[in-house]
Amino acid sequence: MALSILEPERVLKVWGGERLARWFGRSWGGAVGEALLCHIRNGRSNRIIAGSGAGLTLLELARRKTTALGKFSPEEFPIICKLIAPVSANISVQVHPDRQHLANPSDEPKEEVWYVVEVTRRPAVVAGLKVSPSQFLFADDKRRLLDFLDVQPADVLRLPAGSVHSLIAGNTVFEVSTNSDTTYRLWDWGRQERTLHIEEAVNAATGAKVEPMKGKEQTTSYGLVTRFDAGFCLLEQHDAIGGEVAIETRNRFAVIAVLWGEFSDGRHILSRGVTAFLHAHTRITLTVVSPGRFLLVRPQ
């Protein structure tokens, strides 16, 4: 068996709420702003709740079954997959650095791609500034200097290192990032309880644009696949009407996140909110139980 179903891990945020608890059907308490779907970082990882390695963590599985990650080692796990859902307030206006603009020896470069899951408030995304970061900081009305982007569900945004960005409350994105947690907060919408990293953010902001990506569509026997190449990962949107979906991982693992519908590997039903880790060097077939959509992430 080459599929492991992962338990999502809640992350509390000042701007969180109950949306993600409802999404996953969990009785999570607190202001949950993010759900870590697949990660290995700093000795921590998701717990496997079904399939190969059930009862272990993903890190323990990778150490026991050294072929599971393919070309990657546990210490060099390449990506983090998560859902982000600000509820009570917007996330900070922030920057992730590239390798040339790291402020501290422990900092790491970071780039991201966002898949828009839900939009209930428009515009949904801050996609840069209308002025330089320095001019922005000295302005009285900072909101009018934010460059907003109106997006729709299923839009895919590339957020390169150095881009200034934010997500507005009421919207949900599926994020894939390089394995880093380095974030420099430029502005926090007037909130005072969290530390800003103004000098670091100004230095790291390169003017890189947050832009919608254009995918390549391919008609299949079961529906439609749309592929987005973000450089560090390949993100695939699979729209399945019926039949079977064959997935081959070769020398890299892959991650499935189901948005709706139901799919079966013969032992498990994968439905909304399920994240599955697909081992490297394997081929699996998913039967479409009911029409739906899932995302497939392949690290590059």
C-alpha atoms as a PDB file:
ATOM      1  CA  MET A   1       0.000   0.000   0.000  1.00  0.00           C
ATOM      2  CA  ALA A   2       1.518   3.312  -1.087  1.00  0.00           C
ATOM      3  CA  LEU A   3      -0.987   5.842   0.257  1.00  0.00           C
ATOM      4  CA  SER A   4      -1.049   7.443   3.706  1.00  0.00           C
ATOM      5  CA  ILE A   5      -3.946   9.587   4.916  1.00  0.00           C
ATOM      6  CA  LEU A   6      -2.766  12.497   7.055  1.00  0.00           C
ATOM      7  CA  GLU A   7      -4.391  14.200  10.026  1.00  0.00           C
ATOM      8  CA  PRO A   8      -4.590  18.000   9.528  1.00  0.00           C
ATOM      9  CA  GLU A   9      -2.866  20.000  12.245  1.00  0.00           C
ATOM     10  CA  ARG A  10      -4.512  23.184  13.472  1.00  0.00           C
ATOM     11  CA  VAL A  11      -2.593  26.444  13.810  1.00  0.00           C
ATOM     12  CA  LEU A  12      -4.065  29.213  15.978  1.00  0.00           C
ATOM     13  CA  LYS A  13      -3.883  32.767  14.634  1.00  0.00           C
ATOM     14  CA  VAL A  14      -5.138  36.114  15.925  1.00  0.00           C
ATOM     15  CA  TRP A  15      -7.203  36.353  12.736  1.00  0.00           C
ATOM     16  CA  GLY A  16      -8.538  32.781  12.894  1.00  0.00           C
ATOM     17  CA  GLY A  17     -11.991  31.410  13.574  1.00  0.00           C
ATOM     18  CA  GLU A  18     -14.181  28.337  13.090  1.00  0.00           C
ATOM     19  CA  ARG A  19     -14.218  28.002   9.288  1.00  0.00           C
ATOM     20  CA  LEU A  20     -11.475  25.377   9.072  1.00  0.00           C
ATOM     21  CA  ALA A  21     -12.990  23.313  11.894  1.00  0.00           C
ATOM     22  CA  ARG A  22     -16.177  23.126   9.846  1.00  0.00           C
ATOM     23  CA  TRP A  23     -14.240  22.345   6.674  1.00  0.00           C
ATOM     24  CA  PHE A  24     -12.619  19.309   8.265  1.00  0.00           C
ATOM     25  CA  GLY A  25     -15.562  18.367  10.487  1.00  0.00           C
ATOM     26  CA  ARG A  26     -13.432  18.760  13.618  1.00  0.00           C
ATOM     27  CA  SER A  27     -14.334  20.059  17.072  1.00  0.00           C
ATOM     28  CA  TRP A  28     -11.303  22.315  17.131  1.00  0.00           C
ATOM     29  CA  GLY A  29     -11.360  25.038  19.724  1.00  0.00           C
ATOM     30  CA  GLY A  30      -9.720  28.425  19.474  1.00  0.00           C
ATOM     31  CA  ALA A  31      -9.142  30.802  16.605  1.00  0.00           C
ATOM     32  CA  VAL A  32      -7.855  28.402  13.952  1.00  0.00           C
ATOM     33  CA  GLY A  33      -6.349  30.291  11.020  1.00  0.00           C
ATOM     34  CA  GLU A  34      -4.367  27.582   9.270  1.00  0.00           C
ATOM     35  CA  ALA A  35      -4.407  23.830   8.909  1.00  0.00           C
ATOM     36  CA  LEU A  36      -1.107  22.130   8.139  1.00  0.00           C
ATOM     37  CA  LEU A  37      -1.978  19.374   5.680  1.00  0.00           C
ATOM     38  CA  CYS A  38       1.455  17.929   4.897  1.00  0.00           C
ATOM     39  CA  HIS A  39       4.765  18.924   6.437  1.00  0.00           C
ATOM     40  CA  ILE A  40       7.978  17.659   7.984  1.00  0.00           C
ATOM     41  CA  ARG A  41       9.803  20.437   9.796  1.00  0.00           C
ATOM     42  CA  ASN A  42      11.912  20.807  12.936  1.00  0.00           C
ATOM     43  CA  GLY A  43      11.231  17.227  13.997  1.00  0.00           C
ATOM     44  CA  ARG A  44       7.451  17.556  13.627  1.00  0.00           C
ATOM     45  CA  SER A  45       5.071  16.211  11.005  1.00  0.00           C
ATOM     46  CA  ASN A  46       1.482  15.154  10.429  1.00  0.00           C
ATOM     47  CA  ARG A  47       0.151  11.989  12.021  1.00  0.00           C
ATOM     48  CA  ILE A  48      -0.942   9.198   9.678  1.00  0.00           C
ATOM     49  CA  ILE A  49      -4.498   8.164  10.523  1.00  0.00           C
ATOM     50  CA  ALA A  50      -5.081   5.524   7.820  1.00  0.00           C
ATOM     51  CA  GLY A  51      -3.261   3.654   5.091  1.00  0.00           C
ATOM     52  CA  SER A  52       0.438   2.888   5.011  1.00  0.00           C
ATOM     53  CA  GLY A  53       2.089   3.690   8.342  1.00  0.00           C
ATOM     54  CA  ALA A  54      -1.153   4.297  10.242  1.00  0.00           C
ATOM     55  CA  GLY A  55      -0.332   5.328  13.801  1.00  0.00           C
ATOM     56  CA  LEU A  56       3.046   6.770  12.845  1.00  0.00           C
ATOM     57  CA  THR A  57       3.912  10.318  11.950  1.00  0.00           C
ATOM     58  CA  LEU A  58       4.981  11.103   8.407  1.00  0.00           C
ATOM     59  CA  LEU A  59       8.511  11.671   9.701  1.00  0.00           C
ATOM     60  CA  GLU A  60       8.579   8.253  11.390  1.00  0.00           C
ATOM     61  CA  LEU A  61       7.309   6.636   8.194  1.00  0.00           C
ATOM     62  CA  ALA A  62       9.988   8.359   6.131  1.00  0.00           C
ATOM     63  CA  ARG A  63      12.709   7.102   8.469  1.00  0.00           C
ATOM     64  CA  ARG A  64      11.389   3.539   8.472  1.00  0.00           C
ATOM     65  CA  LYS A  65      10.553   3.372   4.779  1.00  0.00           C
ATOM     66  CA  THR A  66      13.374   5.258   3.143  1.00  0.00           C
ATOM     67  CA  THR A  67      11.876   5.038  -0.351  1.00  0.00           C
ATOM     68  CA  ALA A  68       8.676   6.888   0.624  1.00  0.00           C
ATOM     69  CA  LEU A  69      10.052  10.359  -0.115  1.00  0.00           C
ATOM     70  CA  GLY A  70      11.923   9.337  -3.241  1.00  0.00           C
ATOM     71  CA  LYS A  71      14.797  11.693  -4.036  1.00  0.00           C
ATOM     72  CA  PHE A  72      14.183  13.720  -0.863  1.00  0.00           C
ATOM     73  CA  SER A  73      15.376  13.038   2.669  1.00  0.00           C
ATOM     74  CA  PRO A  74      13.336  13.867   5.811  1.00  0.00           C
ATOM     75  CA  GLU A  75      15.846  16.628   6.572  1.00  0.00           C
ATOM     76  CA  GLU A  76      15.299  18.111   3.101  1.00  0.00           C
ATOM     77  CA  PHE A  77      11.518  17.783   2.869  1.00  0.00           C
ATOM     78  CA  PRO A  78      10.808  20.332   0.130  1.00  0.00           C
ATOM     79  CA  ILE A  79       7.287  21.703   0.690  1.00  0.00           C
ATOM     80  CA  ILE A  80       4.585  22.642   3.157  1.00  0.00           C
ATOM     81  CA  CYS A  81       0.908  22.275   2.204  1.00  0.00           C
ATOM     82  CA  LYS A  82      -1.747  24.091   4.203  1.00  0.00           C
ATOM     83  CA  LEU A  83      -5.176  25.709   4.131  1.00  0.00           C
ATOM     84  CA  ILE A  84      -5.342  29.361   5.202  1.00  0.00           C
ATOM     85  CA  ALA A  85      -8.660  30.907   6.241  1.00  0.00           C
ATOM     86  CA  PRO A  86      -8.626  34.318   7.949  1.00  0.00           C
ATOM     87  CA  VAL A  87     -12.002  34.865   9.623  1.00  0.00           C
ATOM     88  CA  SER A  88     -11.980  37.667  12.176  1.00  0.00           C
ATOM     89  CA  ALA A  89      -9.397  39.903  10.428  1.00  0.00           C
ATOM     90  CA  ASN A  90      -6.953  40.062   7.528  1.00  0.00           C
ATOM     91  CA  ILE A  91      -3.563  38.398   7.658  1.00  0.00           C
ATOM     92  CA  SER A  92      -0.605  40.769   7.886  1.00  0.00           C
ATOM     93  CA  VAL A  93       0.814  42.604   4.887  1.00  0.00           C
ATOM     94  CA  GLN A  94       3.998  40.600   4.585  1.00  0.00           C
ATOM     95  CA  VAL A  95       7.058  39.633   2.607  1.00  0.00           C
ATOM     96  CA  HIS A  96       9.035  36.408   2.347  1.00  0.00           C
ATOM     97  CA  PRO A  97      12.723  36.859   1.519  1.00  0.00           C
ATOM     98  CA  ASP A  98      14.818  35.415  -1.256  1.00  0.00           C
ATOM     99  CA  ARG A  99      18.264  34.057  -0.494  1.00  0.00           C
ATOM    100  CA  GLN A 100      19.925  37.449  -1.001  1.00  0.00           C
ATOM    101  CA  HIS A 101      17.733  39.253   1.542  1.00  0.00           C
ATOM    102  CA  LEU A 102      17.789  37.045   4.643  1.00  0.00           C
ATOM    103  CA  ALA A 103      17.896  39.187   7.768  1.00  0.00           C
ATOM    104  CA  ASN A 104      19.172  36.537  10.219  1.00  0.00           C
ATOM    105  CA  PRO A 105      21.356  33.421   9.983  1.00  0.00           C
ATOM    106  CA  SER A 106      18.391  31.219  10.960  1.00  0.00           C
ATOM    107  CA  ASP A 107      16.062  32.705   8.303  1.00  0.00           C
ATOM    108  CA  GLU A 108      15.263  30.816   5.112  1.00  0.00           C
ATOM    109  CA  PRO A 109      14.095  31.908   1.667  1.00  0.00           C
ATOM    110  CA  LYS A 110      10.469  31.216   0.882  1.00  0.00           C
ATOM    111  CA  GLU A 111       8.154  31.281  -2.094  1.00  0.00           C
ATOM    112  CA  GLU A 112       4.535  30.234  -2.357  1.00  0.00           C
ATOM    113  CA  VAL A 113       1.680  29.414  -4.645  1.00  0.00           C
ATOM    114  CA  TRP A 114      -1.967  29.993  -3.641  1.00  0.00           C
ATOM    115  CA  TYR A 115      -4.938  28.085  -5.009  1.00  0.00           C
ATOM    116  CA  VAL A 116      -8.117  30.031  -4.261  1.00  0.00           C
ATOM    117  CA  VAL A 117     -10.639  27.725  -2.582  1.00  0.00           C
ATOM    118  CA  GLU A 118     -13.382  30.093  -1.376  1.00  0.00           C
ATOM    119  CA  VAL A 119     -14.135  33.774  -1.948  1.00  0.00           C
ATOM    120  CA  THR A 120     -16.751  35.469   0.224  1.00  0.00           C
ATOM    121  CA  ARG A 121     -15.271  38.975   0.321  1.00  0.00           C
ATOM    122  CA  ARG A 122     -13.828  40.998  -2.545  1.00  0.00           C
ATOM    123  CA  PRO A 123     -11.210  42.023  -3.330  1.00  0.00           C
ATOM    124  CA  ALA A 124      -9.669  38.967  -1.728  1.00  0.00           C
ATOM    125  CA  VAL A 125      -5.919  39.467  -2.031  1.00  0.00           C
ATOM    126  CA  VAL A 126      -3.364  42.216  -1.529  1.00  0.00           C
ATOM    127  CA  ALA A 127      -0.982  41.779  -4.447  1.00  0.00           C
ATOM    128  CA  GLY A 128       1.606  44.478  -3.819  1.00  0.00           C
ATOM    129  CA  LEU A 129       1.844  48.194  -3.108  1.00  0.00           C
ATOM    130  CA  LYS A 130       1.100  51.218  -5.279  1.00  0.00           C
ATOM    131  CA  VAL A 131       4.173  52.986  -3.880  1.00  0.00           C
ATOM    132  CA  SER A 132       7.527  51.931  -2.461  1.00  0.00           C
ATOM    133  CA  PRO A 133       7.544  50.193   0.943  1.00  0.00           C
ATOM    134  CA  SER A 134       9.184  53.270   2.504  1.00  0.00           C
ATOM    135  CA  GLN A 135       6.493  55.594   1.149  1.00  0.00           C
ATOM    136  CA  PHE A 136       3.843  53.158   2.313  1.00  0.00           C
ATOM    137  CA  LEU A 137       5.144  53.165   5.891  1.00  0.00           C
ATOM    138  CA  PHE A 138       4.963  56.954   6.214  1.00  0.00           C
ATOM    139  CA  ALA A 139       1.464  57.260   4.731  1.00  0.00           C
ATOM    140  CA  ASP A 140      -1.493  58.050   6.985  1.00  0.00           C
ATOM    141  CA  ASP A 141      -4.043  56.037   5.020  1.00  0.00           C
ATOM    142  CA  LYS A 142      -2.147  52.863   4.179  1.00  0.00           C
ATOM    143  CA  ARG A 143      -5.178  50.976   2.886  1.00  0.00           C
ATOM    144  CA  ARG A 144      -5.482  53.159  -0.203  1.00  0.00           C
ATOM    145  CA  LEU A 145      -1.880  52.359  -1.145  1.00  0.00           C
ATOM    146  CA  LEU A 146      -2.442  48.595  -1.182  1.00  0.00           C
ATOM    147  CA  ASP A 147      -2.716  47.030  -4.619  1.00  0.00           C
ATOM    148  CA  PHE A 148      -5.721  44.702  -4.406  1.00  0.00           C
ATOM    149  CA  LEU A 149      -6.405  41.787  -6.739  1.00  0.00           C
ATOM    150  CA  ASP A 150      -9.882  40.406  -7.372  1.00  0.00           C
ATOM    151  CA  VAL A 151      -9.756  36.638  -7.697  1.00  0.00           C
ATOM    152  CA  GLN A 152     -12.214  33.808  -8.227  1.00  0.00           C
ATOM    153  CA  PRO A 153     -12.301  30.254  -6.843  1.00  0.00           C
ATOM    154  CA  ALA A 154      -9.852  28.014  -8.727  1.00  0.00           C
ATOM    155  CA  ASP A 155      -7.542  30.928  -9.563  1.00  0.00           C
ATOM    156  CA  VAL A 156      -3.890  30.108  -8.917  1.00  0.00           C
ATOM    157  CA  LEU A 157      -1.498  32.838  -7.766  1.00  0.00           C
ATOM    158  CA  ARG A 158       2.281  32.683  -7.745  1.00  0.00           C
ATOM    159  CA  LEU A 159       3.806  34.578  -4.803  1.00  0.00           C
ATOM    160  CA  PRO A 160       7.536  34.808  -5.458  1.00  0.00           C
ATOM    161  CA  ALA A 161       9.977  35.747  -2.731  1.00  0.00           C
ATOM    162  CA  GLY A 162      10.071  39.523  -2.335  1.00  0.00           C
ATOM    163  CA  SER A 163       6.391  40.058  -3.163  1.00  0.00           C
ATOM    164  CA  VAL A 164       4.242  42.076  -0.750  1.00  0.00           C
ATOM    165  CA  HIS A 165       0.963  40.261  -0.119  1.00  0.00           C
ATOM    166  CA  SER A 166      -1.948  39.601   2.230  1.00  0.00           C
ATOM    167  CA  LEU A 167      -5.179  37.617   2.321  1.00  0.00           C
ATOM    168  CA  ILE A 168      -8.414  39.384   3.260  1.00  0.00           C
ATOM    169  CA  ALA A 169     -10.731  37.904   5.911  1.00  0.00           C
ATOM    170  CA  GLY A 170     -13.539  35.746   4.567  1.00  0.00           C
ATOM    171  CA  ASN A 171     -11.474  33.963   1.937  1.00  0.00           C
ATOM    172  CA  THR A 172      -9.722  30.587   1.901  1.00  0.00           C
ATOM    173  CA  VAL A 173      -6.643  29.473  -0.018  1.00  0.00           C
ATOM    174  CA  PHE A 174      -4.719  26.235  -0.361  1.00  0.00           C
ATOM    175  CA  GLU A 175      -1.052  27.122  -0.076  1.00  0.00           C
ATOM    176  CA  VAL A 176       2.032  25.244  -1.174  1.00  0.00           C
ATOM    177  CA  SER A 177       5.313  26.797  -0.116  1.00  0.00           C
ATOM    178  CA  THR A 178       8.934  25.892   0.075  1.00  0.00           C
ATOM    179  CA  ASN A 179       9.811  24.460   3.491  1.00  0.00           C
ATOM    180  CA  SER A 180      10.325  27.721   5.369  1.00  0.00           C
ATOM    181  CA  ASP A 181       8.468  29.711   8.025  1.00  0.00           C
ATOM    182  CA  THR A 182      10.319  33.009   7.519  1.00  0.00           C
ATOM    183  CA  THR A 183       7.848  35.883   7.277  1.00  0.00           C
ATOM    184  CA  TYR A 184       8.578  39.588   7.615  1.00  0.00           C
ATOM    185  CA  ARG A 185       5.501  41.616   8.614  1.00  0.00           C
ATOM    186  CA  LEU A 186       5.484  45.039   6.975  1.00  0.00           C
ATOM    187  CA  TRP A 187       2.120  46.139   8.411  1.00  0.00           C
ATOM    188  CA  ASP A 188      -0.512  44.410  10.549  1.00  0.00           C
ATOM    189  CA  TRP A 189      -3.612  46.500   9.829  1.00  0.00           C
ATOM    190  CA  GLY A 190      -3.093  48.542  12.992  1.00  0.00           C
ATOM    191  CA  ARG A 191      -2.934  45.558  15.349  1.00  0.00           C
ATOM    192  CA  GLN A 192      -0.438  46.040  18.145  1.00  0.00           C
ATOM    193  CA  GLU A 193      -0.092  42.558  19.649  1.00  0.00           C
ATOM    194  CA  ARG A 194       2.378  41.137  17.130  1.00  0.00           C
ATOM    195  CA  THR A 195       5.909  42.136  16.266  1.00  0.00           C
ATOM    196  CA  LEU A 196       6.536  43.885  12.966  1.00  0.00           C
ATOM    197  CA  HIS A 197       9.704  43.339  10.929  1.00  0.00           C
ATOM    198  CA  ILE A 198       9.746  46.666   9.134  1.00  0.00           C
ATOM    199  CA  GLU A 199      13.436  46.929   8.264  1.00  0.00           C
ATOM    200  CA  GLU A 200      13.611  43.288   7.203  1.00  0.00           C
ATOM    201  CA  ALA A 201      10.435  43.578   5.099  1.00  0.00           C
ATOM    202  CA  VAL A 202      11.553  46.769   3.359  1.00  0.00           C
ATOM    203  CA  ASN A 203      14.914  45.216   2.495  1.00  0.00           C
ATOM    204  CA  ALA A 204      13.335  41.964   1.300  1.00  0.00           C
ATOM    205  CA  ALA A 205      10.625  43.576  -0.851  1.00  0.00           C
ATOM    206  CA  THR A 206      11.863  43.276  -4.425  1.00  0.00           C
ATOM    207  CA  GLY A 207       8.772  44.521  -6.220  1.00  0.00           C
ATOM    208  CA  ALA A 208       8.021  41.025  -7.498  1.00  0.00           C
ATOM    209  CA  LYS A 209       4.430  40.769  -8.670  1.00  0.00           C
ATOM    210  CA  VAL A 210       1.703  38.501  -7.338  1.00  0.00           C
ATOM    211  CA  GLU A 211       0.172  37.291 -10.577  1.00  0.00           C
ATOM    212  CA  PRO A 212      -2.482  34.776 -11.628  1.00  0.00           C
ATOM    213  CA  MET A 213      -0.962  31.754 -13.339  1.00  0.00           C
ATOM    214  CA  LYS A 214      -2.252  30.292 -16.575  1.00  0.00           C
ATOM    215  CA  GLY A 215      -2.600  26.533 -16.498  1.00  0.00           C
ATOM    216  CA  LYS A 216      -2.286  23.958 -19.247  1.00  0.00           C
ATOM    217  CA  GLU A 217      -5.416  21.901 -19.725  1.00  0.00           C
ATOM    218  CA  GLN A 218      -5.549  18.271 -20.782  1.00  0.00           C
ATOM    219  CA  THR A 219      -8.693  16.268 -21.449  1.00  0.00           C
ATOM    220  CA  THR A 220      -8.617  12.790 -19.925  1.00  0.00           C
ATOM    221  CA  SER A 221     -10.814   9.713 -19.881  1.00  0.00           C
ATOM    222  CA  TYR A 222     -12.189  10.758 -16.477  1.00  0.00           C
ATOM    223  CA  GLY A 223     -12.439  14.525 -16.938  1.00  0.00           C
ATOM    224  CA  LEU A 224      -9.981  17.397 -17.111  1.00  0.00           C
ATOM    225  CA  VAL A 225      -6.530  18.116 -15.661  1.00  0.00           C
ATOM    226  CA  THR A 226      -5.170  21.652 -15.377  1.00  0.00           C
ATOM    227  CA  ARG A 227      -1.452  21.944 -14.573  1.00  0.00           C
ATOM    228  CA  PHE A 228       0.331  24.937 -13.069  1.00  0.00           C
ATOM    229  CA  ASP A 229       4.124  25.021 -12.953  1.00  0.00           C
ATOM    230  CA  ALA A 230       5.265  27.127  -9.976  1.00  0.00           C
ATOM    231  CA  GLY A 231       8.920  26.201 -10.340  1.00  0.00           C
ATOM    232  CA  PHE A 232       9.442  24.566  -6.956  1.00  0.00           C
ATOM    233  CA  CYS A 233       6.296  22.464  -7.411  1.00  0.00           C
ATOM    234  CA  LEU A 234       3.783  21.357  -9.987  1.00  0.00           C
ATOM    235  CA  LEU A 235       0.155  21.924  -8.929  1.00  0.00           C
ATOM    236  CA  GLU A 236      -2.523  19.938 -10.741  1.00  0.00           C
ATOM    237  CA  GLN A 237      -6.289  20.469 -10.560  1.00  0.00           C
ATOM    238  CA  HIS A 238      -8.110  17.227 -11.368  1.00  0.00           C
ATOM    239  CA  ASP A 239     -11.783  17.553 -12.279  1.00  0.00           C
ATOM    240  CA  ALA A 240     -13.146  14.017 -12.391  1.00  0.00           C
ATOM    241  CA  ILE A 241     -16.578  13.102 -13.722  1.00  0.00           C
ATOM    242  CA  GLY A 242     -16.318   9.314 -13.702  1.00  0.00           C
ATOM    243  CA  GLY A 243     -14.044   6.382 -14.323  1.00  0.00           C
ATOM    244  CA  GLU A 244     -10.550   5.916 -12.932  1.00  0.00           C
ATOM    245  CA  VAL A 245      -7.615   8.233 -12.282  1.00  0.00           C
ATOM    246  CA  ALA A 246      -4.135   6.714 -12.601  1.00  0.00           C
ATOM    247  CA  ILE A 247      -1.346   8.560 -10.776  1.00  0.00           C
ATOM    248  CA  GLU A 248       2.352   7.711 -11.028  1.00  0.00           C
ATOM    249  CA  THR A 249       4.831   9.345  -8.655  1.00  0.00           C
ATOM    250  CA  ARG A 250       8.198   8.042  -9.966  1.00  0.00           C
ATOM    251  CA  ASN A 251      11.119   9.342  -7.864  1.00  0.00           C
ATOM    252  CA  ARG A 252       9.126  12.024  -6.009  1.00  0.00           C
ATOM    253  CA  PHE A 253       6.265  11.754  -3.549  1.00  0.00           C
ATOM    254  CA  ALA A 254       2.995  13.603  -4.204  1.00  0.00           C
ATOM    255  CA  VAL A 255       0.178  15.045  -2.085  1.00  0.00           C
ATOM    256  CA  ILE A 256      -3.560  14.854  -2.780  1.00  0.00           C
ATOM    257  CA  ALA A 257      -6.017  17.343  -1.250  1.00  0.00           C
ATOM    258  CA  VAL A 258      -9.693  16.629  -1.980  1.00  0.00           C
ATOM    259  CA  LEU A 259     -11.923  19.685  -2.386  1.00  0.00           C
ATOM    260  CA  TRP A 260     -15.176  17.869  -3.133  1.00  0.00           C
ATOM    261  CA  GLY A 261     -16.520  14.577  -4.445  1.00  0.00           C
ATOM    262  CA  GLU A 262     -15.402  11.086  -3.456  1.00  0.00           C
ATOM    263  CA  PHE A 263     -12.566   8.893  -4.688  1.00  0.00           C
ATOM    264  CA  SER A 264     -11.526   5.373  -3.698  1.00  0.00           C
ATOM    265  CA  ASP A 265      -8.172   3.585  -3.830  1.00  0.00           C
ATOM    266  CA  GLY A 266      -9.952   0.291  -3.116  1.00  0.00           C
ATOM    267  CA  ARG A 267      -9.483   0.542   0.653  1.00  0.00           C
ATOM    268  CA  HIS A 268     -10.279   4.131   1.590  1.00  0.00           C
ATOM    269  CA  ILE A 269     -12.733   6.799   0.544  1.00  0.00           C
ATOM    270  CA  LEU A 270     -11.085  10.148  -0.092  1.00  0.00           C
ATOM    271  CA  SER A 271     -13.629  12.959   0.329  1.00  0.00           C
ATOM    272  CA  ARG A 272     -13.633  16.674   1.093  1.00  0.00           C
ATOM    273  CA  GLY A 273     -10.991  17.608   3.626  1.00  0.00           C
ATOM    274  CA  VAL A 274      -8.899  14.454   3.157  1.00  0.00           C
ATOM    275  CA  THR A 275      -5.183  14.850   2.488  1.00  0.00           C
ATOM    276  CA  ALA A 276      -3.295  11.811   1.233  1.00  0.00           C
ATOM    277  CA  PHE A 277       0.450  11.353   0.944  1.00  0.00           C
ATOM    278  CA  LEU A 278       1.418   9.264  -2.101  1.00  0.00           C
ATOM    279  CA  HIS A 279       4.717   7.460  -1.733  1.00  0.00           C
ATOM    280  CA  ALA A 280       7.416   7.797  -4.356  1.00  0.00           C
ATOM    281  CA  HIS A 281       8.066   5.018  -6.893  1.00  0.00           C
ATOM    282  CA  THR A 282       4.456   3.945  -7.075  1.00  0.00           C
ATOM    283  CA  ARG A 283       1.362   3.964  -9.237  1.00  0.00           C
ATOM    284  CA  ILE A 284      -2.130   4.113  -7.801  1.00  0.00           C
ATOM    285  CA  THR A 285      -5.586   4.109  -9.342  1.00  0.00           C
ATOM    286  CA  LEU A 286      -8.434   6.143  -7.848  1.00  0.00           C
ATOM    287  CA  THR A 287     -11.990   5.251  -8.769  1.00  0.00           C
ATOM    288  CA  VAL A 288     -14.366   8.206  -9.024  1.00  0.00           C
ATOM    289  CA  VAL A 289     -17.159   7.352  -6.564  1.00  0.00           C
ATOM    290  CA  SER A 290     -18.892  10.688  -7.087  1.00  0.00           C
ATOM    291  CA  PRO A 291     -17.800  13.557  -9.363  1.00  0.00           C
ATOM    292  CA  GLY A 292     -15.390  15.930  -7.708  1.00  0.00           C
ATOM    293  CA  ARG A 293     -12.162  17.855  -7.692  1.00  0.00           C
ATOM    294  CA  PHE A 294      -8.832  17.216  -6.036  1.00  0.00           C
ATOM    295  CA  LEU A 295      -5.487  18.958  -6.093  1.00  0.00           C
ATOM    296  CA  LEU A 296      -2.284  17.028  -6.694  1.00  0.00           C
ATOM    297  CA  VAL A 297       1.033  18.572  -5.622  1.00  0.00           C
ATOM    298  CA  ARG A 298       4.292  17.279  -7.036  1.00  0.00           C
ATOM    299  CA  PRO A 299       7.496  18.803  -5.603  1.00  0.00           C
ATOM    300  CA  GLN A 300      10.122  19.588  -8.213  1.00  0.00           C
END
